[in-house]
Amino acid sequence: MLNILAISGSLRAASTNSALVAALAHNTPPGCRVTVYDGLGRLPIFNPDDEGERTPLEASALIDAVTQADGVVVSCPEYAHGVPGGLKNGLDWLVSRDAAVAKPAMLVHASPRSLFARAALVEIMRTMSFALCDDVLEIALLGKKPPEVESILAEPANRQAMHDALNAFAEFIRSP
């Protein structure tokens, strides 16, 4: 069983990125389990002085979750042409650890407009030595209200797209 950790880079209660990762967790192919990480908003601001024995519990929980996962899926909104601070902060807690090194990762997107954040996130994650999967899932949810989001994510074509993307990611994880 592959254990995949899904992270939404948004802290909004009605986040389309969070809805997308939650939908992924409900559309897993056989042999995969997706767990949604929901602790970004509880992480303290990264400070290198707080690493090692002083690592805060919430940061340790994130580090452990990434370490134990077979792969990581990230869905990220774009704020002011960049990666939201909460997600960047979470990634900063992983920088000096081995958790990200060669860890398979896939990006999924809820907006076709988040091109600057996508490029920045790819740069950050490659610099951290994540092994990025070329397959990307995009389901356009930008500007939709929660009932619309739920309806779009329930469409058979989108459910199949999520299933196929996770299958492709599972193959990527299993490849040498």
C-alpha atoms as a PDB file:
ATOM      1  CA  MET A   1       0.000   0.000   0.000  1.00  0.00           C
ATOM      2  CA  LEU A   2       1.439   3.365  -1.047  1.00  0.00           C
ATOM      3  CA  ASN A   3       0.930   6.141   1.469  1.00  0.00           C
ATOM      4  CA  ILE A   4       0.603   9.531  -0.177  1.00  0.00           C
ATOM      5  CA  LEU A   5       0.533  12.752   1.816  1.00  0.00           C
ATOM      6  CA  ALA A   6      -1.570  15.544   0.265  1.00  0.00           C
ATOM      7  CA  ILE A   7      -0.901  19.149   1.253  1.00  0.00           C
ATOM      8  CA  SER A   8      -3.022  22.161   0.382  1.00  0.00           C
ATOM      9  CA  GLY A   9      -1.092  25.412   0.364  1.00  0.00           C
ATOM     10  CA  SER A  10      -4.206  27.354   1.306  1.00  0.00           C
ATOM     11  CA  LEU A  11      -5.509  28.073   4.792  1.00  0.00           C
ATOM     12  CA  ARG A  12      -8.903  29.371   3.583  1.00  0.00           C
ATOM     13  CA  ALA A  13     -11.895  27.501   4.975  1.00  0.00           C
ATOM     14  CA  ALA A  14     -13.504  27.345   1.517  1.00  0.00           C
ATOM     15  CA  SER A  15     -10.249  26.688  -0.337  1.00  0.00           C
ATOM     16  CA  THR A  16     -10.547  25.084  -3.759  1.00  0.00           C
ATOM     17  CA  ASN A  17      -7.051  23.644  -3.290  1.00  0.00           C
ATOM     18  CA  SER A  18      -8.107  21.972  -0.047  1.00  0.00           C
ATOM     19  CA  ALA A  19     -11.251  20.679  -1.730  1.00  0.00           C
ATOM     20  CA  LEU A  20      -9.110  19.223  -4.507  1.00  0.00           C
ATOM     21  CA  VAL A  21      -6.765  17.336  -2.162  1.00  0.00           C
ATOM     22  CA  ALA A  22      -9.754  16.087  -0.147  1.00  0.00           C
ATOM     23  CA  ALA A  23     -11.329  14.813  -3.380  1.00  0.00           C
ATOM     24  CA  LEU A  24      -8.070  13.067  -4.263  1.00  0.00           C
ATOM     25  CA  ALA A  25      -8.251  11.237  -0.942  1.00  0.00           C
ATOM     26  CA  HIS A  26     -11.686   9.920  -1.987  1.00  0.00           C
ATOM     27  CA  ASN A  27     -10.637   8.903  -5.521  1.00  0.00           C
ATOM     28  CA  THR A  28      -7.623   6.739  -4.826  1.00  0.00           C
ATOM     29  CA  PRO A  29      -6.824   3.775  -7.018  1.00  0.00           C
ATOM     30  CA  PRO A  30      -6.335   0.357  -5.438  1.00  0.00           C
ATOM     31  CA  GLY A  31      -3.067   0.090  -3.566  1.00  0.00           C
ATOM     32  CA  CYS A  32      -2.948   3.781  -2.596  1.00  0.00           C
ATOM     33  CA  ARG A  33      -3.982   5.717   0.465  1.00  0.00           C
ATOM     34  CA  VAL A  34      -4.049   9.528   0.477  1.00  0.00           C
ATOM     35  CA  THR A  35      -3.857  11.327   3.804  1.00  0.00           C
ATOM     36  CA  VAL A  36      -4.527  15.062   3.869  1.00  0.00           C
ATOM     37  CA  TYR A  37      -2.144  17.103   6.024  1.00  0.00           C
ATOM     38  CA  ASP A  38      -4.008  19.943   7.723  1.00  0.00           C
ATOM     39  CA  GLY A  39      -1.399  21.459  10.023  1.00  0.00           C
ATOM     40  CA  LEU A  40       0.074  24.329   7.974  1.00  0.00           C
ATOM     41  CA  GLY A  41      -1.841  26.940   9.940  1.00  0.00           C
ATOM     42  CA  ARG A  42      -0.505  25.611  13.237  1.00  0.00           C
ATOM     43  CA  LEU A  43       3.166  25.642  12.276  1.00  0.00           C
ATOM     44  CA  PRO A  44       5.290  28.268  13.985  1.00  0.00           C
ATOM     45  CA  ILE A  45       7.326  30.506  11.719  1.00  0.00           C
ATOM     46  CA  PHE A  46      10.484  28.680  10.709  1.00  0.00           C
ATOM     47  CA  ASN A  47      13.568  29.622  12.672  1.00  0.00           C
ATOM     48  CA  PRO A  48      16.798  27.648  12.196  1.00  0.00           C
ATOM     49  CA  ASP A  49      17.532  28.173  15.907  1.00  0.00           C
ATOM     50  CA  ASP A  50      14.510  25.968  16.661  1.00  0.00           C
ATOM     51  CA  GLU A  51      15.767  22.899  14.817  1.00  0.00           C
ATOM     52  CA  GLY A  52      17.147  19.728  16.347  1.00  0.00           C
ATOM     53  CA  GLU A  53      16.104  19.161  19.939  1.00  0.00           C
ATOM     54  CA  ARG A  54      14.131  22.424  19.892  1.00  0.00           C
ATOM     55  CA  THR A  55      11.956  21.499  16.907  1.00  0.00           C
ATOM     56  CA  PRO A  56       8.328  22.391  17.759  1.00  0.00           C
ATOM     57  CA  LEU A  57       5.864  19.482  17.905  1.00  0.00           C
ATOM     58  CA  GLU A  58       3.830  20.703  14.915  1.00  0.00           C
ATOM     59  CA  ALA A  59       6.984  20.968  12.806  1.00  0.00           C
ATOM     60  CA  SER A  60       8.073  17.497  13.923  1.00  0.00           C
ATOM     61  CA  ALA A  61       4.650  16.136  12.938  1.00  0.00           C
ATOM     62  CA  LEU A  62       5.038  17.578   9.425  1.00  0.00           C
ATOM     63  CA  ILE A  63       8.600  16.282   9.086  1.00  0.00           C
ATOM     64  CA  ASP A  64       7.502  12.815  10.247  1.00  0.00           C
ATOM     65  CA  ALA A  65       4.491  12.798   7.908  1.00  0.00           C
ATOM     66  CA  VAL A  66       6.650  13.669   4.893  1.00  0.00           C
ATOM     67  CA  THR A  67       9.353  11.187   5.946  1.00  0.00           C
ATOM     68  CA  GLN A  68       6.858   8.336   6.321  1.00  0.00           C
ATOM     69  CA  ALA A  69       4.961   9.091   3.104  1.00  0.00           C
ATOM     70  CA  ASP A  70       5.866   7.267  -0.080  1.00  0.00           C
ATOM     71  CA  GLY A  71       5.028  10.430  -2.002  1.00  0.00           C
ATOM     72  CA  VAL A  72       3.694  13.953  -1.545  1.00  0.00           C
ATOM     73  CA  VAL A  73       0.989  15.765  -3.527  1.00  0.00           C
ATOM     74  CA  VAL A  74       0.824  19.555  -3.258  1.00  0.00           C
ATOM     75  CA  SER A  75      -2.001  21.832  -4.383  1.00  0.00           C
ATOM     76  CA  CYS A  76      -1.028  25.474  -4.178  1.00  0.00           C
ATOM     77  CA  PRO A  77      -2.880  28.738  -4.777  1.00  0.00           C
ATOM     78  CA  GLU A  78      -1.082  31.828  -6.015  1.00  0.00           C
ATOM     79  CA  TYR A  79      -0.862  34.921  -3.839  1.00  0.00           C
ATOM     80  CA  ALA A  80       0.706  38.050  -5.371  1.00  0.00           C
ATOM     81  CA  HIS A  81       2.432  35.903  -8.025  1.00  0.00           C
ATOM     82  CA  GLY A  82       3.983  33.637  -5.418  1.00  0.00           C
ATOM     83  CA  VAL A  83       3.666  30.656  -3.121  1.00  0.00           C
ATOM     84  CA  PRO A  84       1.569  31.398  -0.021  1.00  0.00           C
ATOM     85  CA  GLY A  85       3.616  32.052   3.114  1.00  0.00           C
ATOM     86  CA  GLY A  86       2.083  29.173   5.076  1.00  0.00           C
ATOM     87  CA  LEU A  87       3.149  26.602   2.484  1.00  0.00           C
ATOM     88  CA  LYS A  88       6.605  28.130   2.097  1.00  0.00           C
ATOM     89  CA  ASN A  89       6.959  28.075   5.884  1.00  0.00           C
ATOM     90  CA  GLY A  90       6.053  24.380   5.936  1.00  0.00           C
ATOM     91  CA  LEU A  91       8.609  23.644   3.238  1.00  0.00           C
ATOM     92  CA  ASP A  92      11.225  25.656   5.139  1.00  0.00           C
ATOM     93  CA  TRP A  93      10.825  23.283   8.102  1.00  0.00           C
ATOM     94  CA  LEU A  94      11.884  20.456   5.757  1.00  0.00           C
ATOM     95  CA  VAL A  95      14.915  22.151   4.198  1.00  0.00           C
ATOM     96  CA  SER A  96      17.663  20.857   6.489  1.00  0.00           C
ATOM     97  CA  ARG A  97      16.082  17.400   6.839  1.00  0.00           C
ATOM     98  CA  ASP A  98      16.312  14.310   4.670  1.00  0.00           C
ATOM     99  CA  ALA A  99      12.505  14.114   4.435  1.00  0.00           C
ATOM    100  CA  ALA A 100      12.371  15.816   1.028  1.00  0.00           C
ATOM    101  CA  VAL A 101      15.494  14.297  -0.517  1.00  0.00           C
ATOM    102  CA  ALA A 102      14.431  12.102  -3.451  1.00  0.00           C
ATOM    103  CA  LYS A 103      10.852  12.108  -2.115  1.00  0.00           C
ATOM    104  CA  PRO A 104       8.461  11.666  -5.042  1.00  0.00           C
ATOM    105  CA  ALA A 105       6.156  14.661  -5.392  1.00  0.00           C
ATOM    106  CA  MET A 106       3.359  15.703  -7.732  1.00  0.00           C
ATOM    107  CA  LEU A 107       1.681  19.077  -8.143  1.00  0.00           C
ATOM    108  CA  VAL A 108      -2.062  19.451  -8.623  1.00  0.00           C
ATOM    109  CA  HIS A 109      -3.819  22.697  -9.434  1.00  0.00           C
ATOM    110  CA  ALA A 110      -7.262  24.148  -8.824  1.00  0.00           C
ATOM    111  CA  SER A 111      -6.625  27.224 -10.976  1.00  0.00           C
ATOM    112  CA  PRO A 112      -5.347  27.582 -14.521  1.00  0.00           C
ATOM    113  CA  ARG A 113      -4.017  31.058 -13.625  1.00  0.00           C
ATOM    114  CA  SER A 114      -1.488  30.160 -10.920  1.00  0.00           C
ATOM    115  CA  LEU A 115       1.481  30.047 -13.311  1.00  0.00           C
ATOM    116  CA  PHE A 116       3.886  32.155 -11.227  1.00  0.00           C
ATOM    117  CA  ALA A 117       3.268  30.095  -8.088  1.00  0.00           C
ATOM    118  CA  ARG A 118       3.655  26.871 -10.068  1.00  0.00           C
ATOM    119  CA  ALA A 119       7.048  27.940 -11.379  1.00  0.00           C
ATOM    120  CA  ALA A 120       8.155  29.136  -7.947  1.00  0.00           C
ATOM    121  CA  LEU A 121       6.967  25.933  -6.275  1.00  0.00           C
ATOM    122  CA  VAL A 122       8.768  23.772  -8.838  1.00  0.00           C
ATOM    123  CA  GLU A 123      11.963  25.774  -8.214  1.00  0.00           C
ATOM    124  CA  ILE A 124      11.625  25.481  -4.434  1.00  0.00           C
ATOM    125  CA  MET A 125      10.848  21.769  -4.464  1.00  0.00           C
ATOM    126  CA  ARG A 126      13.615  20.916  -6.942  1.00  0.00           C
ATOM    127  CA  THR A 127      16.086  22.920  -4.860  1.00  0.00           C
ATOM    128  CA  MET A 128      14.978  20.872  -1.849  1.00  0.00           C
ATOM    129  CA  SER A 129      15.660  17.691  -3.892  1.00  0.00           C
ATOM    130  CA  PHE A 130      12.073  16.463  -4.183  1.00  0.00           C
ATOM    131  CA  ALA A 131      11.721  14.092  -7.160  1.00  0.00           C
ATOM    132  CA  LEU A 132       9.013  15.889  -9.135  1.00  0.00           C
ATOM    133  CA  CYS A 133       6.666  13.852 -11.284  1.00  0.00           C
ATOM    134  CA  ASP A 134       6.063  15.366 -14.715  1.00  0.00           C
ATOM    135  CA  ASP A 135       2.383  14.396 -14.579  1.00  0.00           C
ATOM    136  CA  VAL A 136       0.243  17.267 -13.327  1.00  0.00           C
ATOM    137  CA  LEU A 137      -3.461  17.356 -12.544  1.00  0.00           C
ATOM    138  CA  GLU A 138      -5.471  20.526 -13.115  1.00  0.00           C
ATOM    139  CA  ILE A 139      -9.165  20.862 -12.374  1.00  0.00           C
ATOM    140  CA  ALA A 140     -10.370  24.444 -12.819  1.00  0.00           C
ATOM    141  CA  LEU A 141     -12.167  25.482  -9.635  1.00  0.00           C
ATOM    142  CA  LEU A 142     -11.155  29.140  -9.461  1.00  0.00           C
ATOM    143  CA  GLY A 143     -13.971  31.423  -8.350  1.00  0.00           C
ATOM    144  CA  LYS A 144     -16.410  28.602  -7.645  1.00  0.00           C
ATOM    145  CA  LYS A 145     -18.506  28.438  -4.488  1.00  0.00           C
ATOM    146  CA  PRO A 146     -18.322  25.266  -2.326  1.00  0.00           C
ATOM    147  CA  PRO A 147     -21.468  23.627  -3.797  1.00  0.00           C
ATOM    148  CA  GLU A 148     -20.134  24.222  -7.331  1.00  0.00           C
ATOM    149  CA  VAL A 149     -16.716  22.883  -6.347  1.00  0.00           C
ATOM    150  CA  GLU A 150     -18.276  19.751  -4.911  1.00  0.00           C
ATOM    151  CA  SER A 151     -20.330  19.248  -8.072  1.00  0.00           C
ATOM    152  CA  ILE A 152     -17.341  19.759 -10.382  1.00  0.00           C
ATOM    153  CA  LEU A 153     -15.166  17.376  -8.386  1.00  0.00           C
ATOM    154  CA  ALA A 154     -17.937  14.752  -8.478  1.00  0.00           C
ATOM    155  CA  GLU A 155     -18.207  14.807 -12.283  1.00  0.00           C
ATOM    156  CA  PRO A 156     -17.225  11.410 -13.695  1.00  0.00           C
ATOM    157  CA  ALA A 157     -14.569  12.914 -15.980  1.00  0.00           C
ATOM    158  CA  ASN A 158     -12.915  14.730 -13.063  1.00  0.00           C
ATOM    159  CA  ARG A 159     -13.116  11.699 -10.787  1.00  0.00           C
ATOM    160  CA  GLN A 160     -11.431   9.709 -13.549  1.00  0.00           C
ATOM    161  CA  ALA A 161      -8.789  12.423 -14.008  1.00  0.00           C
ATOM    162  CA  MET A 162      -7.977  12.285 -10.274  1.00  0.00           C
ATOM    163  CA  HIS A 163      -7.851   8.494 -10.353  1.00  0.00           C
ATOM    164  CA  ASP A 164      -5.594   8.526 -13.436  1.00  0.00           C
ATOM    165  CA  ALA A 165      -3.282  11.172 -11.970  1.00  0.00           C
ATOM    166  CA  LEU A 166      -2.864   9.156  -8.773  1.00  0.00           C
ATOM    167  CA  ASN A 167      -2.242   6.007 -10.820  1.00  0.00           C
ATOM    168  CA  ALA A 168       0.466   7.814 -12.804  1.00  0.00           C
ATOM    169  CA  PHE A 169       1.970   9.133  -9.578  1.00  0.00           C
ATOM    170  CA  ALA A 170       1.924   5.640  -8.048  1.00  0.00           C
ATOM    171  CA  GLU A 171       3.817   4.344 -11.087  1.00  0.00           C
ATOM    172  CA  PHE A 172       6.296   7.212 -10.708  1.00  0.00           C
ATOM    173  CA  ILE A 173       6.813   6.344  -7.029  1.00  0.00           C
ATOM    174  CA  ARG A 174       7.377   2.672  -7.847  1.00  0.00           C
ATOM    175  CA  SER A 175       9.785   3.368 -10.729  1.00  0.00           C
ATOM    176  CA  PRO A 176      13.494   3.037  -9.991  1.00  0.00           C
END
